[in-house]
Amino acid sequence: MVANSALLLMMRSLSVAMLMLVQTRYFLIYIAGDMALYLLQKVLRGDFHYWLPIDGAVGLVLSLLARVIVKTIADFTGVIQFRHPGELGGLYWTVNMFMALVASFASLFVYFDSGGEAVAERTAWTLVGCMGGAWLITFGVFFLVMKKDYRRTFFSTMSGKRNSMNYFLMGADDQVKSEVLTINKHQWRQIRGEVKEWVLANWYRWVTAKPAWFTEAWVFKLPEDFIPDDEDQARLEEIRQRGRRRSSAGTALNAAIIQRLRTKRITRAELGGTTGATMSSVGATMSSTGATLDPVRVYPII
């Protein structure tokens, strides 16, 4: 997939250069229109808010930045992990890739139709045609050799909020269901009542049993009305105060570990050698700072 990404990057870079040589505004109109279409469909699907649990105006700004950055990276490199429902989504990612190829050829047409002479027309068409063909071949081979269960993800229409709600709706146990509360509340507000009833109904059982996931960091994320009224409020406030202090210290480490996992820079030796040990090691490291890791957000490397 490195070759596939490199080919797309070269094609997109060439097409951008061609448009800017003709008229910079052509490039700006294309980029702005493409981005506006992407953001509009996110808004219409109720999927604009990014999964990071940050609310208010700051959350809106960060969601906008995250959406724009991810879309731009996907446009120029075709990172397949961005087909995740929480990012572009499977079907949108696939259509977006083929539209990127079409846009590359369209840019050449606009350039030469406008009288461009910086490069020989035949050479340019041959170069882009070869790169486009090579991209299709490398992606086709990759698609054929991957596990069959992964292929359908390239055509999935599942939204990010549906994926987030599925933690709770389809979770096999309390630990999986609890993950929904680590995600931006806008992504699961449709089932807020159900989640609240579940927490209230099981609160005292968890307090007694103390499952591994029922930590102060998790309790800190709960809305106040999710906790029984007769619970020790002084103790809860103490937990919230500690959670606020830890969250500021753990955010940087959390982001760094997720980034390293996504870029495969954490080696087996660093993490214990197996997948189970990997997640345990990361979890232990992050727990020491109060940071949390959402396992579904660490996209599988196919």
Protein backbone atom coordinates (compact mmCIF):
# COMPACT_ATOMS: atom_id res chain seq x y z
CA MET A 1 0.00 0.00 0.00
CA VAL A 2 3.03 2.29 0.25
CA ALA A 3 3.39 2.18 -3.53
CA ASN A 4 -0.35 2.76 -3.91
CA SER A 5 -0.24 5.85 -1.69
CA ALA A 6 2.88 7.16 -3.44
CA LEU A 7 1.23 6.84 -6.85
CA LEU A 8 -1.86 8.71 -5.71
CA LEU A 9 0.25 11.41 -4.10
CA MET A 10 2.22 11.95 -7.32
CA MET A 11 -0.92 12.07 -9.43
CA ARG A 12 -2.67 14.51 -7.10
CA SER A 13 0.39 16.71 -6.80
CA LEU A 14 0.74 16.89 -10.58
CA SER A 15 -2.94 17.73 -11.04
CA VAL A 16 -2.76 20.46 -8.40
CA ALA A 17 0.31 21.95 -10.08
CA MET A 18 -1.46 21.93 -13.45
CA LEU A 19 -4.52 23.74 -12.10
CA MET A 20 -2.45 26.34 -10.28
CA LEU A 21 -0.40 27.02 -13.41
CA VAL A 22 -3.63 27.84 -15.24
CA GLN A 23 -5.50 29.70 -12.48
CA THR A 24 -5.02 29.39 -8.74
CA ARG A 25 -8.71 30.03 -8.26
CA TYR A 26 -9.52 26.87 -10.23
CA PHE A 27 -7.66 24.84 -7.63
CA LEU A 28 -9.28 26.71 -4.73
CA ILE A 29 -12.77 26.29 -6.19
CA TYR A 30 -12.22 22.56 -6.69
CA ILE A 31 -10.77 21.96 -3.21
CA ALA A 32 -13.39 24.12 -1.48
CA GLY A 33 -16.26 22.51 -3.38
CA ASP A 34 -15.03 18.99 -2.71
CA MET A 35 -14.52 19.71 0.99
CA ALA A 36 -17.90 21.45 1.29
CA LEU A 37 -19.64 18.42 -0.23
CA TYR A 38 -17.91 16.13 2.25
CA LEU A 39 -18.78 18.28 5.26
CA LEU A 40 -22.36 18.74 4.06
CA GLN A 41 -23.01 15.02 3.89
CA LYS A 42 -21.53 14.64 7.37
CA VAL A 43 -23.89 17.31 8.70
CA LEU A 44 -26.93 15.88 6.91
CA ARG A 45 -26.19 12.44 8.38
CA GLY A 46 -25.78 13.90 11.86
CA ASP A 47 -22.18 12.74 11.81
CA PHE A 48 -20.23 15.98 11.92
CA HIS A 49 -18.99 15.74 15.52
CA TYR A 50 -15.71 13.87 15.75
CA TRP A 51 -15.50 10.92 18.15
CA LEU A 52 -13.14 12.67 20.58
CA PRO A 53 -15.12 13.41 23.80
CA ILE A 54 -14.76 17.21 23.65
CA ASP A 55 -17.88 19.38 23.93
CA GLY A 56 -18.87 22.97 23.32
CA ALA A 57 -17.34 25.43 20.88
CA VAL A 58 -13.92 23.83 21.26
CA GLY A 59 -15.39 20.49 20.28
CA LEU A 60 -16.97 21.99 17.15
CA VAL A 61 -13.71 23.62 16.09
CA LEU A 62 -11.71 20.46 16.69
CA SER A 63 -14.31 18.41 14.82
CA LEU A 64 -14.03 20.74 11.83
CA LEU A 65 -10.23 20.59 11.92
CA ALA A 66 -10.22 16.82 12.25
CA ARG A 67 -12.66 16.36 9.37
CA VAL A 68 -10.70 18.69 7.07
CA ILE A 69 -7.31 17.18 7.94
CA VAL A 70 -8.45 13.57 7.55
CA LYS A 71 -10.19 14.32 4.24
CA THR A 72 -7.11 16.11 2.88
CA ILE A 73 -4.77 13.27 3.88
CA ALA A 74 -7.12 10.69 2.35
CA ASP A 75 -7.38 12.73 -0.88
CA PHE A 76 -3.65 12.79 -1.43
CA THR A 77 -2.49 9.49 0.05
CA GLY A 78 -5.51 7.17 0.13
CA VAL A 79 -4.88 5.92 3.67
CA ILE A 80 -7.20 2.92 3.83
CA GLN A 81 -7.75 3.18 7.59
CA PHE A 82 -9.72 6.35 6.91
CA ARG A 83 -12.54 4.23 5.47
CA HIS A 84 -13.55 3.67 9.11
CA PRO A 85 -17.12 4.87 9.81
CA GLY A 86 -15.71 7.40 12.26
CA GLU A 87 -13.68 9.02 9.48
CA LEU A 88 -14.76 9.13 5.79
CA GLY A 89 -16.76 5.91 5.85
CA GLY A 90 -16.27 2.91 3.57
CA LEU A 91 -18.35 3.83 0.53
CA TYR A 92 -17.38 7.51 0.64
CA TRP A 93 -13.70 6.57 0.83
CA THR A 94 -14.00 4.30 -2.22
CA VAL A 95 -15.91 6.86 -4.29
CA ASN A 96 -13.50 9.56 -3.13
CA MET A 97 -10.51 7.58 -4.42
CA PHE A 98 -11.97 7.09 -7.87
CA MET A 99 -13.05 10.74 -8.01
CA ALA A 100 -9.45 11.67 -7.20
CA LEU A 101 -8.31 9.70 -10.25
CA VAL A 102 -10.93 11.37 -12.44
CA ALA A 103 -9.93 14.81 -11.09
CA SER A 104 -6.31 14.16 -12.07
CA PHE A 105 -7.25 13.57 -15.69
CA ALA A 106 -9.70 16.49 -15.65
CA SER A 107 -6.92 18.79 -14.42
CA LEU A 108 -4.77 17.83 -17.40
CA PHE A 109 -7.63 18.56 -19.77
CA VAL A 110 -8.20 22.01 -18.21
CA TYR A 111 -4.48 22.78 -18.34
CA PHE A 112 -3.96 21.97 -22.01
CA ASP A 113 -7.34 23.39 -23.02
CA SER A 114 -6.18 26.69 -21.49
CA GLY A 115 -3.01 26.69 -23.62
CA GLY A 116 -0.55 25.29 -21.08
CA GLU A 117 2.88 24.56 -22.53
CA ALA A 118 5.13 23.87 -19.52
CA VAL A 119 5.14 20.16 -20.38
CA ALA A 120 4.49 18.23 -23.57
CA GLU A 121 0.85 17.19 -23.75
CA ARG A 122 1.55 13.63 -24.83
CA THR A 123 4.13 13.18 -22.09
CA ALA A 124 1.74 14.46 -19.43
CA TRP A 125 -1.14 12.23 -20.52
CA THR A 126 1.16 9.21 -20.71
CA LEU A 127 2.61 9.89 -17.28
CA VAL A 128 -0.75 10.34 -15.56
CA GLY A 129 -2.22 7.40 -17.46
CA CYS A 130 0.60 5.10 -16.32
CA MET A 131 0.33 6.25 -12.71
CA GLY A 132 -3.44 5.86 -12.76
CA GLY A 133 -3.18 2.39 -14.24
CA ALA A 134 -0.53 1.38 -11.72
CA TRP A 135 -2.72 2.67 -8.88
CA LEU A 136 -5.68 0.59 -10.08
CA ILE A 137 -3.48 -2.52 -10.41
CA THR A 138 -1.88 -2.20 -6.96
CA PHE A 139 -5.23 -1.51 -5.32
CA GLY A 140 -6.84 -4.38 -7.21
CA VAL A 141 -4.15 -6.82 -6.07
CA PHE A 142 -4.44 -5.57 -2.50
CA PHE A 143 -8.23 -5.95 -2.62
CA LEU A 144 -8.01 -9.52 -3.92
CA VAL A 145 -5.48 -10.78 -1.37
CA MET A 146 -7.08 -9.23 1.72
CA LYS A 147 -9.37 -11.21 4.01
CA LYS A 148 -12.84 -11.49 2.49
CA ASP A 149 -14.48 -10.05 5.60
CA TYR A 150 -12.59 -6.78 5.08
CA ARG A 151 -13.78 -6.26 1.50
CA ARG A 152 -17.28 -5.22 2.48
CA THR A 153 -15.88 -2.38 4.59
CA PHE A 154 -14.97 -0.55 1.38
CA PHE A 155 -18.68 -0.31 0.52
CA SER A 156 -20.13 0.22 3.99
CA THR A 157 -22.59 3.09 4.49
CA MET A 158 -22.42 2.91 8.28
CA SER A 159 -22.07 6.33 9.90
CA GLY A 160 -19.69 7.19 12.71
CA LYS A 161 -22.50 7.71 15.19
CA ARG A 162 -24.04 4.33 14.35
CA ASN A 163 -20.65 2.70 14.86
CA SER A 164 -20.37 4.45 18.23
CA MET A 165 -23.88 3.45 19.32
CA ASN A 166 -23.13 -0.16 18.38
CA TYR A 167 -20.72 -0.33 21.30
CA PHE A 168 -23.77 -0.22 23.53
CA LEU A 169 -26.47 -1.72 21.33
CA MET A 170 -24.42 -4.73 20.21
CA GLY A 171 -21.92 -5.02 23.04
CA ALA A 172 -21.59 -8.58 24.34
CA ASP A 173 -20.83 -7.51 27.90
CA ASP A 174 -20.67 -4.51 30.20
CA GLN A 175 -17.06 -3.72 29.34
CA VAL A 176 -17.86 -3.33 25.63
CA LYS A 177 -21.03 -1.38 26.37
CA SER A 178 -19.10 0.96 28.65
CA GLU A 179 -16.96 2.12 25.72
CA VAL A 180 -19.82 4.28 24.44
CA LEU A 181 -19.27 6.66 27.34
CA THR A 182 -15.69 7.36 26.22
CA ILE A 183 -16.94 8.80 22.91
CA ASN A 184 -18.32 12.25 22.09
CA LYS A 185 -21.84 12.35 23.53
CA HIS A 186 -23.25 13.80 20.30
CA GLN A 187 -22.57 10.47 18.60
CA TRP A 188 -24.81 8.52 20.97
CA ARG A 189 -27.38 11.05 22.16
CA GLN A 190 -30.13 9.08 20.36
CA ILE A 191 -29.72 6.31 22.93
CA ARG A 192 -28.82 8.50 25.91
CA GLY A 193 -31.92 7.36 27.81
CA GLU A 194 -31.09 3.69 27.34
CA VAL A 195 -27.48 4.21 28.41
CA LYS A 196 -28.59 6.13 31.49
CA GLU A 197 -31.03 3.39 32.52
CA TRP A 198 -28.29 0.77 32.05
CA VAL A 199 -25.81 2.68 34.23
CA LEU A 200 -28.35 3.37 37.00
CA ALA A 201 -29.56 -0.25 36.98
CA ASN A 202 -26.04 -1.68 37.31
CA TRP A 203 -24.26 1.00 39.35
CA TYR A 204 -24.30 -0.73 42.74
CA ARG A 205 -23.40 -4.09 41.22
CA TRP A 206 -20.31 -2.52 39.68
CA VAL A 207 -19.44 -0.71 42.90
CA THR A 208 -19.51 -4.06 44.71
CA ALA A 209 -17.88 -6.24 42.03
CA LYS A 210 -15.34 -3.60 40.92
CA PRO A 211 -14.78 -4.85 37.34
CA ALA A 212 -11.44 -3.87 35.81
CA TRP A 213 -12.97 -1.26 33.47
CA PHE A 214 -14.97 0.44 36.27
CA THR A 215 -12.25 2.92 37.09
CA GLU A 216 -12.20 6.47 38.40
CA ALA A 217 -11.28 7.60 34.88
CA TRP A 218 -14.47 6.01 33.53
CA VAL A 219 -16.65 7.37 36.35
CA PHE A 220 -15.21 10.80 35.66
CA LYS A 221 -16.69 10.68 32.14
CA LEU A 222 -20.24 9.96 33.37
CA PRO A 223 -22.83 12.76 33.20
CA GLU A 224 -23.93 13.69 36.72
CA ASP A 225 -27.49 12.45 36.17
CA PHE A 226 -26.18 8.96 35.33
CA ILE A 227 -25.14 8.40 38.94
CA PRO A 228 -27.70 7.47 41.65
CA ASP A 229 -28.79 10.43 43.79
CA ASP A 230 -27.99 8.60 47.01
CA GLU A 231 -24.36 7.97 46.03
CA ASP A 232 -21.67 9.64 48.14
CA GLN A 233 -21.48 13.06 46.41
CA ALA A 234 -18.36 14.13 48.28
CA ARG A 235 -16.55 11.01 47.07
CA LEU A 236 -17.75 11.57 43.52
CA GLU A 237 -16.55 15.17 43.55
CA GLU A 238 -13.15 13.99 44.76
CA ILE A 239 -13.04 11.53 41.83
CA ARG A 240 -13.96 14.32 39.40
CA GLN A 241 -11.24 16.57 40.77
CA ARG A 242 -8.64 13.84 40.36
CA GLY A 243 -9.97 13.09 36.89
CA ARG A 244 -9.55 16.71 35.81
CA ARG A 245 -5.96 16.73 36.99
CA ARG A 246 -5.16 13.43 35.29
CA SER A 247 -6.84 14.31 32.02
CA SER A 248 -4.55 17.27 31.46
CA ALA A 249 -1.48 15.13 32.14
CA GLY A 250 -2.66 12.10 30.17
CA THR A 251 -3.92 13.73 26.99
CA ALA A 252 -0.47 14.18 25.44
CA LEU A 253 0.57 10.58 26.19
CA ASN A 254 -2.78 9.26 24.94
CA ALA A 255 -2.39 11.03 21.61
CA ALA A 256 1.24 9.94 21.24
CA ILE A 257 0.49 6.25 21.86
CA ILE A 258 -2.50 6.21 19.50
CA GLN A 259 -0.40 7.88 16.81
CA ARG A 260 2.41 5.38 17.24
CA LEU A 261 -0.03 2.48 17.07
CA ARG A 262 -1.61 3.84 13.91
CA THR A 263 1.75 4.27 12.23
CA LYS A 264 2.98 0.86 13.50
CA ARG A 265 5.97 2.46 15.22
CA ILE A 266 5.38 0.51 18.43
CA THR A 267 7.16 -2.79 17.96
CA ARG A 268 6.28 -6.19 19.34
CA ALA A 269 9.33 -6.02 21.58
CA GLU A 270 8.09 -2.76 23.11
CA LEU A 271 4.60 -4.12 23.70
CA GLY A 272 5.20 -7.68 24.78
CA GLY A 273 5.20 -9.66 21.54
CA THR A 274 1.51 -10.57 21.12
CA THR A 275 -1.68 -8.74 20.38
CA GLY A 276 -3.07 -9.40 23.86
CA ALA A 277 0.14 -8.32 25.51
CA THR A 278 0.27 -5.33 23.24
CA MET A 279 -3.03 -3.93 24.44
CA SER A 280 -2.30 -4.85 28.05
CA SER A 281 1.05 -3.08 27.97
CA VAL A 282 -0.42 0.01 26.37
CA GLY A 283 -3.34 -0.03 28.79
CA ALA A 284 -1.04 -0.29 31.78
CA THR A 285 1.09 2.59 30.58
CA MET A 286 -1.91 4.80 29.93
CA SER A 287 -3.63 3.88 33.18
CA SER A 288 -0.69 5.24 35.12
CA THR A 289 -1.47 8.70 33.79
CA GLY A 290 -5.25 8.44 33.69
CA ALA A 291 -5.27 8.33 29.89
CA THR A 292 -7.67 6.02 28.07
CA LEU A 293 -7.44 4.22 24.76
CA ASP A 294 -10.46 3.48 22.61
CA PRO A 295 -9.51 0.15 20.98
CA VAL A 296 -11.83 0.47 17.98
CA ARG A 297 -10.14 3.75 17.04
CA VAL A 298 -6.83 1.99 16.55
CA TYR A 299 -7.56 0.85 13.04
CA PRO A 300 -6.54 -2.68 12.02
CA ILE A 301 -3.55 -2.81 9.71
CA ILE A 302 -4.71 -4.99 6.84
